[in-house]
Protein backbone atom coordinates (compact mmCIF):
# COMPACT_ATOMS: atom_id res chain seq x y z
CA MET A 1 3.16 -24.69 5.99
CA LYS A 2 0.35 -24.16 3.67
CA THR A 3 0.96 -21.87 0.66
CA MET A 4 -1.24 -19.90 -1.35
CA ARG A 5 -2.71 -21.49 -4.64
CA PHE A 6 -2.65 -20.32 -7.45
CA TYR A 7 -4.63 -21.19 -10.85
CA THR A 8 -4.41 -19.70 -14.47
CA LEU A 9 -6.61 -16.13 -14.86
CA PHE A 10 -8.97 -17.86 -16.95
CA ALA A 11 -10.61 -20.20 -14.07
CA LEU A 12 -9.80 -17.50 -11.26
CA LEU A 13 -12.62 -15.37 -13.63
CA LEU A 14 -14.69 -17.94 -13.76
CA LEU A 15 -14.69 -18.41 -10.21
CA CYS A 16 -13.97 -14.74 -8.78
CA GLY A 17 -16.67 -12.99 -11.50
CA ALA A 18 -15.52 -12.09 -14.83
CA LYS A 19 -14.21 -8.43 -15.39
CA SER A 20 -13.56 -6.47 -18.42
CA PHE A 21 -10.71 -8.16 -20.35
CA ALA A 22 -10.16 -4.50 -22.15
CA GLN A 23 -8.98 -3.06 -19.23
CA GLU A 24 -4.97 -2.42 -18.82
CA TRP A 25 -4.48 -5.72 -17.00
CA GLU A 26 -5.90 -7.69 -14.15
CA TYR A 27 -4.26 -10.52 -12.00
CA SER A 28 -6.46 -12.82 -9.41
CA GLN A 29 -5.55 -14.71 -6.92
CA GLU A 30 -8.12 -17.23 -5.42
CA PHE A 31 -7.69 -18.19 -1.33
CA ASP A 32 -9.52 -20.44 0.77
CA TYR A 33 -10.72 -18.72 3.46
CA SER A 34 -10.87 -21.60 5.80
CA THR A 35 -7.43 -22.12 6.11
CA ASP A 36 -5.53 -19.18 4.37
CA ALA A 37 -6.47 -15.45 3.20
CA PRO A 38 -4.15 -13.11 2.37
CA TYR A 39 -4.26 -9.63 3.96
CA PHE A 40 -2.70 -5.97 3.62
CA LEU A 41 -1.81 -6.05 -0.18
CA LEU A 42 0.04 -2.99 -0.49
CA PRO A 43 1.62 -2.92 -3.98
CA TYR A 44 4.82 -1.13 -5.19
CA GLU A 45 6.48 0.22 -8.25
CA PHE A 46 9.95 -0.41 -9.01
CA SER A 47 11.64 1.56 -11.77
CA ASP A 48 12.13 -1.42 -14.07
CA GLY A 49 8.46 -1.95 -14.54
CA ARG A 50 7.45 -4.95 -11.75
CA ILE A 51 4.97 -4.52 -9.44
CA LEU A 52 5.69 -5.83 -6.19
CA VAL A 53 2.71 -6.24 -3.75
CA SER A 54 3.20 -7.01 0.24
CA CYS A 55 1.00 -8.74 2.05
CA THR A 56 0.57 -11.35 4.99
CA ASN A 57 -1.02 -14.82 4.17
CA ASN A 58 -2.68 -15.51 7.47
CA HIS A 59 -3.05 -19.58 8.34
CA VAL A 60 -5.17 -21.33 10.56
CA ASN A 61 -4.31 -23.40 13.50
CA ASP A 62 -6.30 -26.46 14.86
CA CYS A 63 -8.82 -23.96 16.67
CA GLY A 64 -9.65 -22.70 13.66
CA ARG A 65 -8.31 -19.24 14.57
CA TYR A 66 -6.19 -16.88 12.13
CA VAL A 67 -3.08 -16.77 14.62
CA TYR A 68 -0.04 -17.36 11.70
CA PRO A 69 0.03 -14.64 9.61
CA ILE A 70 3.08 -14.83 7.55
CA PRO A 71 4.25 -12.11 5.33
CA ALA A 72 4.92 -12.29 1.96
CA THR A 73 5.30 -10.57 -1.30
CA MET A 74 4.66 -11.59 -4.94
CA ALA A 75 6.23 -9.95 -8.95
CA LEU A 76 4.28 -8.69 -11.21
CA ASP A 77 5.71 -7.53 -15.06
CA SER A 78 4.29 -4.70 -16.70
CA GLU A 79 1.88 -6.87 -18.32
CA GLY A 80 0.32 -8.23 -14.87
CA THR A 81 1.79 -12.06 -15.35
CA ARG A 82 3.00 -13.29 -11.99
CA ILE A 83 6.73 -13.32 -12.30
CA ALA A 84 7.60 -14.50 -8.28
CA TYR A 85 5.85 -15.45 -4.93
CA SER A 86 7.65 -15.68 -1.68
CA GLU A 87 6.63 -16.52 1.93
CA TYR A 88 8.70 -15.36 4.72
CA TYR A 89 7.71 -18.10 7.89
CA LYS A 90 9.91 -18.30 10.72
CA GLU A 91 9.39 -20.73 13.23
CA GLY A 92 7.69 -19.20 16.50
CA PHE A 93 7.18 -16.20 15.45
CA PHE A 94 4.19 -14.20 13.47
CA GLY A 95 4.87 -11.99 10.98
CA SER A 96 3.69 -8.03 10.16
CA HIS A 97 3.33 -7.25 6.07
CA PRO A 98 6.04 -5.84 4.83
CA PHE A 99 7.40 -2.08 3.97
CA VAL A 100 8.62 -2.27 0.33
CA PHE A 101 11.92 -0.32 -0.64
CA GLU A 102 14.24 0.03 -3.64
CA ASN A 103 17.64 1.07 -2.63
CA GLU A 104 19.66 3.53 -5.79
CA SER A 105 20.97 0.42 -7.01
CA GLY A 106 17.76 -0.70 -7.98
CA GLU A 107 17.76 -3.83 -5.74
CA ALA A 108 14.76 -5.28 -3.27
CA PHE A 109 14.03 -4.70 0.07
CA ILE A 110 11.32 -5.65 2.49
CA LEU A 111 11.23 -4.07 6.05
CA MET A 112 9.08 -6.24 8.65
CA ASN A 113 8.59 -7.06 12.29
CA TYR A 114 7.95 -11.02 14.13
CA SER A 115 6.10 -11.52 17.44
CA PRO A 116 6.48 -14.66 18.87
CA ASN A 117 3.70 -17.06 18.24
CA HIS A 118 1.06 -17.40 20.56
CA ASP A 119 -1.06 -20.58 20.48
CA THR A 120 -4.48 -19.77 21.34
CA CYS A 121 -6.03 -22.96 21.67
CA SER A 122 -4.46 -22.82 24.86
CA PRO A 123 -4.98 -20.30 28.44
CA ASN A 124 -1.48 -20.22 28.27
CA TYR A 125 -0.69 -18.23 24.73
CA PHE A 126 2.58 -19.24 25.37
CA GLN A 127 2.83 -22.71 26.47
CA ASN A 128 4.47 -24.46 23.30
CA PHE A 129 8.06 -22.41 23.99
CA ASP A 130 9.84 -23.49 27.16
CA PRO A 131 11.70 -21.05 27.94
CA PRO A 132 8.79 -18.70 26.42
CA ILE A 133 10.07 -16.09 23.71
CA ASP A 134 10.96 -13.22 25.18
CA TYR A 135 11.88 -10.71 22.02
CA CYS A 136 10.51 -9.70 18.67
CA ILE A 137 12.04 -9.63 15.58
CA LEU A 138 12.89 -5.96 13.53
CA GLY A 139 14.34 -7.51 10.23
CA LEU A 140 15.35 -6.23 6.94
CA TYR A 141 16.01 -8.38 3.91
CA LYS A 142 17.45 -7.85 0.73
CA LEU A 143 15.87 -9.79 -1.76
CA ASN A 144 16.97 -11.71 -5.14
CA ASP A 145 14.96 -11.61 -8.52
CA ASP A 146 12.86 -14.32 -7.19
CA LEU A 147 11.76 -12.77 -3.67
CA SER A 148 13.92 -15.02 -1.40
CA ILE A 149 16.09 -13.49 0.99
CA ALA A 150 19.26 -12.43 -0.25
CA GLU A 151 21.02 -11.51 3.51
CA SER A 152 19.23 -10.79 6.49
CA TYR A 153 19.78 -8.12 8.76
CA GLU A 154 17.78 -8.96 11.81
CA LEU A 155 17.46 -6.56 15.50
CA GLU A 156 16.35 -8.63 18.41
CA ILE A 157 13.86 -6.12 20.75
CA PRO A 158 13.15 -7.68 24.38
CA ILE A 159 9.14 -7.82 25.45
CA ASP A 160 7.50 -9.43 28.27
CA THR A 161 5.83 -12.17 27.35
CA PHE A 162 3.43 -13.16 30.21
CA GLU A 163 0.05 -12.63 29.55
CA TYR A 164 -3.49 -12.87 31.55
CA GLN A 165 -5.79 -15.69 30.59
CA GLY A 166 -8.30 -13.80 29.65
CA ARG A 167 -6.34 -11.53 27.03
CA PRO A 168 -6.28 -12.51 23.56
CA TRP A 169 -2.82 -12.16 21.56
CA ASN A 170 -2.49 -8.50 20.88
CA CYS A 171 0.06 -8.06 23.81
CA GLY A 172 3.71 -8.51 24.37
CA GLN A 173 4.61 -7.78 20.82
CA ILE A 174 6.00 -4.88 18.16
CA ASP A 175 4.21 -3.75 15.44
CA LEU A 176 5.80 -1.93 12.27
CA ILE A 177 3.13 0.77 11.42
CA SER A 178 5.60 3.22 9.45
CA ALA A 179 8.27 3.10 7.01
CA PHE A 180 9.55 5.11 4.52
CA MET A 181 12.82 5.87 2.19
CA ASP A 182 14.18 8.98 3.34
CA ASP A 183 15.72 11.75 0.41
CA ASP A 184 19.53 10.42 1.59
CA GLY A 185 18.79 6.90 0.87
CA THR A 186 17.98 5.58 4.48
CA ILE A 187 15.00 4.19 5.90
CA VAL A 188 13.06 6.07 8.36
CA GLY A 189 9.95 4.19 10.36
CA ALA A 190 7.98 4.00 13.23
CA TYR A 191 6.60 0.70 15.54
CA CYS A 192 4.51 0.21 18.37
CA LYS A 193 5.89 -2.02 21.15
CA THR A 194 3.23 -2.95 23.94
CA THR A 195 2.94 -4.98 26.83
CA SER A 196 1.52 -7.80 28.41
CA TYR A 197 -1.66 -6.94 30.20
CA ASP A 198 -1.66 -8.70 33.58
CA TYR A 199 -5.04 -7.37 35.52
CA PRO A 200 -4.97 -5.53 37.77
CA ASN A 201 -1.60 -5.10 38.30
CA SER A 202 0.36 -2.73 35.75
CA ARG A 203 3.14 -4.17 34.07
CA GLY A 204 4.60 -0.73 32.78
CA TYR A 205 4.03 1.19 29.78
CA ASP A 206 3.84 0.63 26.16
CA SER A 207 6.56 2.97 23.75
CA THR A 208 6.46 4.08 20.40
CA VAL A 209 9.82 3.87 18.86
CA PHE A 210 11.20 6.15 15.74
CA PHE A 211 14.46 4.99 13.78
CA ARG A 212 16.50 5.45 10.50
CA MET A 213 18.24 2.76 9.57
CA ASP A 214 20.82 2.27 6.78
CA PHE A 215 20.80 -0.58 4.35
CA GLU A 216 22.51 -2.69 6.27
CA GLY A 217 20.54 -3.04 9.03
CA ARG A 218 21.70 -0.63 11.63
CA ILE A 219 19.91 1.60 13.61
CA LEU A 220 21.42 5.39 12.94
CA ASN A 221 19.49 6.92 15.71
CA GLU A 222 15.95 6.22 17.35
CA ALA A 223 14.18 8.41 20.09
CA ARG A 224 11.40 6.10 22.50
CA TYR A 225 8.21 7.75 23.79
CA CYS A 226 6.19 6.13 26.73
CA GLY A 227 2.74 5.82 27.12
CA GLU A 228 -0.03 3.39 27.97
CA TYR A 229 -2.27 1.98 25.75
CA ARG A 230 -6.44 0.81 27.04
CA TRP A 231 -6.14 -2.75 28.65
CA GLY A 232 -2.65 -3.34 26.70
CA GLU A 233 -4.27 -4.23 23.79
CA ASP A 234 -2.32 -3.50 20.52
CA PRO A 235 -3.53 -0.43 19.03
CA THR A 236 -2.43 -0.85 15.44
CA LEU A 237 -4.29 -3.70 14.44
CA ASP A 238 -6.53 -1.04 12.39
CA TYR A 239 -3.25 1.42 11.44
CA ARG A 240 -0.64 -0.59 9.85
CA ASN A 241 -0.09 1.98 7.01
CA HIS A 242 2.08 4.79 6.50
CA HIS A 243 1.50 7.51 9.45
CA ILE A 244 4.76 9.81 8.91
CA VAL A 245 5.04 12.68 6.33
CA LYS A 246 8.26 15.05 5.62
CA THR A 247 8.58 18.34 5.29
CA ASP A 248 11.70 20.57 4.36
CA SER A 249 12.61 20.90 8.14
CA LEU A 250 10.51 17.76 10.20
CA TYR A 251 8.68 14.77 10.32
CA ILE A 252 4.71 14.90 11.25
CA TYR A 253 3.71 12.07 12.81
CA TYR A 254 -0.01 11.88 12.90
CA GLY A 255 -1.03 9.52 15.82
CA PHE A 256 -4.67 8.18 16.42
CA VAL A 257 -6.42 7.97 19.92
CA ARG A 258 -4.22 5.65 21.87
CA ASP A 259 -1.14 7.06 20.84
CA VAL A 260 1.98 6.51 23.07
CA VAL A 261 3.33 10.18 21.85
CA ALA A 262 0.06 12.00 22.21
CA GLU A 263 0.02 14.24 25.49
CA ASP A 264 -3.51 15.13 26.08
CA GLY A 265 -5.18 14.20 23.03
CA LYS A 266 -2.40 16.00 21.15
CA ASN A 267 -2.00 12.81 18.84
CA LEU A 268 -0.32 15.09 15.49
CA VAL A 269 3.18 15.33 16.11
CA TYR A 270 6.49 17.43 14.93
CA LEU A 271 9.64 15.79 15.12
CA ASP A 272 13.25 17.46 14.17
CA TYR A 273 15.18 14.87 11.79
CA ASP A 274 16.59 13.29 15.03
CA PHE A 275 12.89 12.22 16.36
CA ASN A 276 13.04 15.17 19.07
CA ILE A 277 9.47 16.40 19.82
CA VAL A 278 9.00 19.90 18.48
CA ARG A 279 5.39 20.18 19.24
CA SER A 280 2.41 18.33 19.56
CA ARG A 281 -1.29 19.48 18.40
CA ALA A 282 -4.59 17.64 18.14
CA PHE A 283 -6.52 16.76 15.00
CA ARG A 284 -10.02 16.52 15.08
CA HIS A 285 -12.94 15.85 13.02
CA PRO A 286 -15.24 18.44 13.06
CA SER A 287 -18.60 16.84 12.64
CA VAL A 288 -20.68 16.96 16.16
CA LEU A 289 -21.67 13.39 15.73
CA HIS A 290 -18.94 11.93 16.80
CA PRO A 291 -19.09 9.94 19.91
CA PHE A 292 -15.88 9.77 20.88
CA ASP A 293 -15.08 13.45 21.29
CA ASN A 294 -13.84 13.31 17.39
CA VAL A 295 -10.43 11.48 17.77
CA TYR A 296 -11.14 8.01 16.76
CA PHE A 297 -9.81 7.22 13.38
CA GLN A 298 -9.35 3.90 11.73
CA ASN A 299 -7.70 2.92 8.40
CA MET A 300 -5.39 5.60 8.24
CA ASN A 301 -2.88 6.48 5.62
CA VAL A 302 -1.21 9.92 4.94
CA LYS A 303 0.58 11.35 2.13
CA ARG A 304 2.26 14.43 1.76
CA SER A 305 0.42 16.90 -0.85
CA PRO A 306 2.41 19.07 -3.57
CA HIS A 307 2.10 22.02 -1.52
CA GLY A 308 3.37 21.54 1.85
CA THR A 309 0.08 20.05 2.80
CA THR A 310 -1.11 16.32 4.14
CA TYR A 311 -3.17 14.20 3.04
CA LEU A 312 -4.69 11.51 5.29
CA THR A 313 -7.52 8.84 4.68
CA SER A 314 -9.63 7.58 7.59
CA VAL A 315 -12.40 6.05 8.63
CA ILE A 316 -14.53 7.46 11.88
CA SER A 317 -17.02 6.51 13.92
CA GLU A 318 -21.05 8.43 14.03
CA MET A 319 -23.49 8.61 16.61
CA ASP A 320 -25.04 4.83 16.55
CA ASP A 321 -22.48 2.86 15.37
CA HIS A 322 -22.46 4.67 12.20
CA TYR A 323 -19.38 5.06 10.18
CA CYS A 324 -17.93 7.37 7.40
CA SER A 325 -15.00 7.33 4.95
CA VAL A 326 -13.08 10.97 5.06
CA LEU A 327 -10.23 12.37 3.09
CA TYR A 328 -8.91 15.15 4.79
CA GLU A 329 -6.75 18.13 4.23
CA PHE A 330 -4.28 19.28 7.22
CA ASP A 331 -2.82 22.53 7.04
CA ASP A 332 0.03 21.31 9.75
CA ASP A 333 2.58 24.46 9.64
CA VAL A 334 4.18 23.90 12.72
CA ASN A 335 4.36 27.82 13.25
CA ALA A 336 0.60 27.58 12.61
CA SER A 337 -1.43 29.00 16.30
CA GLY A 338 -3.68 26.84 17.78
CA ASN A 339 -3.73 23.78 19.76
CA SER A 340 -5.50 22.03 16.50
CA VAL A 341 -3.80 21.55 13.45
CA PRO A 342 -6.63 23.52 11.11
CA ILE A 343 -8.44 21.09 8.79
CA LYS A 344 -8.16 22.92 5.02
CA ARG A 345 -10.90 21.14 3.58
CA TYR A 346 -12.45 17.39 3.86
CA ALA A 347 -15.05 15.31 2.25
CA GLU A 348 -17.42 12.35 4.05
CA ARG A 349 -18.26 9.41 1.84
CA LYS A 350 -20.96 7.06 3.41
CA THR A 351 -24.60 5.34 2.35
CA PRO A 352 -27.48 6.37 3.68
CA ASP A 353 -27.85 2.90 5.80
CA TYR A 354 -23.99 3.10 6.46
CA ASP A 355 -24.22 0.97 9.92
CA SER A 356 -21.44 -1.21 8.91
CA PRO A 357 -17.77 0.08 8.43
CA THR A 358 -16.78 1.37 5.61
CA GLN A 359 -12.84 1.20 4.32
CA SER A 360 -10.59 3.88 3.70
CA THR A 361 -7.71 2.95 1.53
CA GLY A 362 -6.03 5.90 0.12
CA VAL A 363 -5.39 8.24 -2.33
CA ALA A 364 -3.00 8.44 -5.30
CA LEU A 365 -1.74 11.80 -6.90
CA TRP A 366 -1.25 12.51 -10.63
CA GLU A 367 1.03 15.06 -12.12
CA ASP A 368 -1.80 17.51 -13.25
CA GLY A 369 -2.08 17.59 -9.40
CA THR A 370 -5.72 15.63 -9.40
CA ILE A 371 -6.16 13.25 -6.90
CA CYS A 372 -7.93 9.58 -6.76
CA TYR A 373 -9.46 8.68 -3.35
CA ALA A 374 -10.06 5.40 -2.86
CA TYR A 375 -12.33 3.59 -0.55
CA THR A 376 -15.24 1.07 0.11
CA LEU A 377 -19.37 1.56 1.09
CA ASN A 378 -20.66 -1.19 2.56
CA ASN A 379 -24.64 -0.61 2.73
CA GLY A 380 -26.06 -1.87 5.92
CA LEU A 381 -24.69 -4.54 8.65
CA GLY A 382 -23.31 -7.65 8.14
CA LEU A 383 -21.16 -9.62 5.19
CA SER A 384 -24.68 -10.29 3.13
CA ASN A 385 -24.93 -6.72 2.40
CA ASP A 386 -23.98 -4.69 -0.84
CA SER A 387 -20.68 -3.69 -1.25
CA TRP A 388 -18.91 -1.54 -3.65
CA ILE A 389 -15.42 -0.13 -4.09
CA VAL A 390 -15.18 3.93 -5.30
CA LEU A 391 -12.39 4.87 -7.25
CA GLU A 392 -13.33 9.08 -7.31
CA HIS A 393 -11.22 11.54 -9.16
CA LEU A 394 -11.13 14.53 -7.43
CA THR A 395 -9.47 18.42 -8.29
CA PRO A 396 -7.50 19.54 -5.50
CA GLU A 397 -10.03 21.85 -3.87
CA PHE A 398 -12.01 18.08 -3.29
CA ASP A 399 -14.81 19.39 -6.21
CA THR A 400 -15.60 15.77 -8.08
CA ILE A 401 -14.47 15.09 -11.47
CA ARG A 402 -15.88 11.99 -11.88
CA THR A 403 -17.00 8.67 -9.63
CA LEU A 404 -15.96 5.08 -11.01
CA PHE A 405 -17.43 1.86 -9.48
CA TYR A 406 -15.03 -1.51 -9.41
CA GLY A 407 -15.37 -4.97 -8.47
CA SER A 408 -18.19 -7.50 -9.39
CA ASN A 409 -20.75 -6.14 -7.62
CA ASP A 410 -22.66 -9.93 -7.35
CA ASP A 411 -25.34 -10.72 -4.70
CA GLY A 412 -23.14 -12.24 -2.13
CA VAL A 413 -20.03 -10.41 -2.52
CA PHE A 414 -18.65 -8.61 -0.09
CA SER A 415 -15.62 -6.48 -1.71
CA ARG A 416 -12.57 -3.97 0.09
CA ALA A 417 -10.57 -2.20 -1.76
CA LYS A 418 -6.86 -2.42 0.39
CA GLY A 419 -4.25 -0.62 -1.71
CA ILE A 420 -3.61 2.43 -4.81
CA ARG A 421 -0.62 3.19 -6.00
CA ALA A 422 -0.19 6.09 -8.73
CA LEU A 423 2.36 4.49 -11.78
CA SER A 424 4.74 6.66 -13.80
CA ASP A 425 2.85 5.81 -17.21
CA GLY A 426 -0.48 7.46 -15.83
CA GLY A 427 -1.95 4.58 -14.89
CA LEU A 428 -3.49 3.55 -11.51
CA LEU A 429 -2.80 0.84 -9.34
CA LEU A 430 -5.62 -0.76 -7.22
CA THR A 431 -5.59 -4.10 -5.15
CA THR A 432 -8.86 -5.89 -3.65
CA TRP A 433 -9.96 -8.26 -1.52
CA GLU A 434 -13.78 -10.33 -2.07
CA ARG A 435 -14.91 -13.20 -0.01
CA LYS A 436 -18.20 -14.90 -1.12
CA LEU A 437 -20.93 -15.70 1.02
CA TYR A 438 -22.26 -18.37 -1.23
CA ALA A 439 -19.25 -20.11 -0.71
CA TRP A 440 -17.85 -18.61 2.27
CA ASN A 441 -14.85 -20.15 2.45
CA GLN A 442 -13.95 -18.68 -0.87
CA GLY A 443 -12.57 -15.32 -1.72
CA CYS A 444 -10.19 -13.38 -4.06
CA ALA A 445 -7.15 -11.46 -3.67
CA ASP A 446 -7.13 -9.10 -7.66
CA VAL A 447 -4.16 -6.44 -8.55
CA VAL A 448 -5.57 -4.36 -10.95
CA LYS A 449 -3.90 -2.05 -13.76
CA PHE A 450 -6.17 1.14 -14.66
CA SER A 451 -4.73 3.24 -17.97
CA ALA A 452 -4.66 6.60 -17.64
CA GLU A 453 -7.32 6.80 -20.35
CA ALA A 454 -9.37 5.36 -17.89
CA PHE A 455 -11.09 8.42 -16.19
CA VAL A 456 -11.49 10.28 -19.24
CA GLY A 457 -14.90 9.38 -20.35
CA ILE A 458 -17.92 6.61 -20.02
CA GLU A 459 -16.66 4.25 -23.00
CA GLU A 460 -13.19 4.27 -21.82
CA ALA A 461 -14.23 3.38 -18.12
CA HIS A 462 -16.47 0.60 -19.09
CA ASP A 463 -13.20 -1.03 -21.18
CA ASN A 464 -11.31 -0.51 -18.10
CA GLY A 465 -13.83 -2.91 -16.18
CA LEU A 466 -15.11 0.48 -14.40
CA LYS A 467 -18.79 1.09 -13.92
CA VAL A 468 -20.61 4.81 -13.65
CA ALA A 469 -23.80 3.41 -11.82
CA ILE A 470 -24.75 0.85 -9.15
CA ALA A 471 -27.94 -0.39 -8.25
CA TYR A 472 -28.66 -1.18 -4.23
CA PRO A 473 -29.60 -2.90 -2.02
CA ASN A 474 -29.88 -5.83 -4.32
CA PRO A 475 -31.90 -8.08 -3.25
CA GLY A 476 -33.82 -4.93 -1.63
CA LYS A 477 -37.65 -4.60 -0.86
CA ASP A 478 -39.32 -1.18 -1.03
CA VAL A 479 -36.86 1.16 -2.15
CA LEU A 480 -34.49 0.94 -4.86
CA ASN A 481 -31.12 3.09 -5.28
CA ILE A 482 -29.43 3.85 -8.05
CA CYS A 483 -25.88 5.27 -7.37
CA THR A 484 -24.53 7.14 -10.65
CA ALA A 485 -21.93 9.75 -11.89
CA VAL A 486 -23.19 10.16 -14.75
CA THR A 487 -24.11 13.55 -13.70
CA MET A 488 -20.46 14.41 -13.46
CA TRP A 489 -19.67 13.58 -17.36
CA GLN A 490 -20.39 16.98 -19.43
CA PRO A 491 -22.76 17.40 -21.09
CA TYR A 492 -25.44 14.85 -19.76
CA ASN A 493 -29.06 14.21 -20.19
CA ALA A 494 -29.68 11.62 -17.81
CA HIS A 495 -32.50 8.95 -16.63
CA VAL A 496 -32.98 5.39 -15.46
CA GLU A 497 -35.71 3.32 -16.79
CA ILE A 498 -36.55 0.06 -15.29
CA TYR A 499 -38.32 -3.08 -16.93
CA ASP A 500 -39.97 -6.09 -16.02
CA LEU A 501 -38.99 -9.09 -17.23
CA ASN A 502 -41.66 -8.98 -19.82
CA GLY A 503 -39.71 -5.99 -21.12
CA LYS A 504 -42.27 -3.83 -19.67
CA LEU A 505 -41.14 -0.02 -18.54
CA ILE A 506 -42.98 0.74 -15.06
CA CYS A 507 -40.49 3.48 -14.17
CA ASN A 508 -38.54 6.34 -16.08
CA GLN A 509 -37.19 9.29 -13.58
CA GLU A 510 -34.79 11.87 -14.43
CA ILE A 511 -31.18 11.56 -12.72
CA THR A 512 -30.05 15.11 -11.36
CA GLU A 513 -28.55 13.49 -8.17
CA ASN A 514 -25.75 11.19 -7.26
CA ILE A 515 -27.93 8.88 -5.75
CA THR A 516 -31.77 8.46 -7.55
CA SER A 517 -34.34 6.66 -4.98
CA ILE A 518 -37.16 4.99 -6.22
CA ASN A 519 -40.26 4.05 -4.34
CA THR A 520 -40.68 0.03 -4.84
CA GLU A 521 -43.10 -0.21 -1.95
CA ASN A 522 -46.06 -1.69 -4.58
CA TRP A 523 -44.31 -4.14 -6.91
CA PRO A 524 -44.19 -7.33 -6.98
CA SER A 525 -41.22 -9.14 -5.95
CA GLY A 526 -39.24 -10.75 -8.45
CA VAL A 527 -36.26 -9.48 -10.78
CA TYR A 528 -36.16 -6.06 -12.80
CA VAL A 529 -34.04 -4.92 -15.01
CA TRP A 530 -32.74 -1.05 -14.97
CA LYS A 531 -31.22 0.88 -16.85
CA VAL A 532 -29.06 4.39 -16.99
CA ILE A 533 -29.53 6.08 -20.14
CA ALA A 534 -26.81 9.27 -20.66
CA ASN A 535 -27.17 12.18 -23.42
CA GLY A 536 -29.77 9.18 -25.34
CA VAL A 537 -27.31 6.47 -24.71
CA GLU A 538 -27.23 3.19 -22.27
CA ALA A 539 -24.66 4.17 -19.82
CA GLU A 540 -25.68 1.17 -17.41
CA SER A 541 -27.68 -2.09 -17.16
CA GLY A 542 -28.14 -4.53 -14.86
CA LYS A 543 -30.51 -6.79 -12.20
CA TRP A 544 -32.13 -5.70 -9.27
CA VAL A 545 -34.54 -8.39 -7.23
CA LYS A 546 -36.99 -7.57 -5.38
CA ASP A 547 -37.74 -9.91 -2.35
């Protein structure tokens, strides 16, 4: 079994692109994309100040396919120093990213699932197992301080392991899609169970299972609801995040278009505390551009607001395979009238050339009621185009207070924000993932802590490794876009200056909008320097290349 390789922070910064040392802290992990790659990096804060990050480390088989996802956790101290790392390999199975819990005694637990490991080098994906493994595992594990497993509580869940030759490995398995610690100290969660696909013969129904578990791994109660996914696929590949919120009297489950709980497209489900369905309603994106009857949501995360509504972040597709990241606030009172849940407000984010999927990471809530909305924007189709991570500070009404950009933003770097968490000291925790095209098999996964002051002013943002303006596409041709947040910093008087390499000023344009577009059709090919000036002071600068 291969393991992740960790290097010194200095070496990693050289490899991954140096970032500001003045920020609160940053931990970088190098990975070799051709053999292993971390995924689903989700951060948690413990009461003793430790940061636990859950992920899977995807290993490659002899056919060059990622078929060995191994659950893993990493612990960082309050200064960002790695103090422990552990993988949880189980022979014959592949695993999911762990959900992390801290019980009332301060002990660490992880909850995760294992499904049979499939041999994708062969048309018979179960050929290495005689007889084939016909069960999955839902496991609760207590961890030592070094993140090794101290106690195991595993439940075997029967599955159908037959697979049609033409279908991949997303059949005959379970996927844990949501889990959280309830007020009574128990764990509430949900997993999807998928049957194998045997075309043209149906092999039964898939199901969604809601359960309550204590910290000794005992199921206290559960409820199973059956349905059928399209083609027997695993619909949770893009959904392994939090989907359940709790109200004073109910749980609310935010499903998705292929959800087995949904009836007639009603994919928001109210359940009592025993998981009996009280009501089902639909939630839809209101845009008429949506091609799938406004129901297709990806990369969903939900979080309960302080005022009795639910925040939901997602990626939706529009006409012509365009995508945008959306933050919603749903007024999901169970007693409200109507078959569709009212959208109280929403905010869409996309680039002018948004034909590549964005990544919608989630929201973090601060004590003053303001929101940090994290997402990744991609400009153009393919990894060779620019991408950037956005941290947007919003009022409870979704008005933008300020927008900040994070990441190297170097040429040939594909970045993604993976997880976000508001911290007890008012700071913010962000996990990111970057892949480099000039060395396609190399990348970085970072865990970054921003101080509470990072969102106060431009200077403080810079001290925390954040930017207030970026230029794209880079390289470009006939247009240069400057995306900037300086107009949000009051008072402001902002403009952009463009210089050639001889230092000659060739453009001076006022900034009045979030995106300033400059026509470069008649400019010769070469390297240019751009500067954003706010209140007479240089706020941001960089180089732009015209092909």
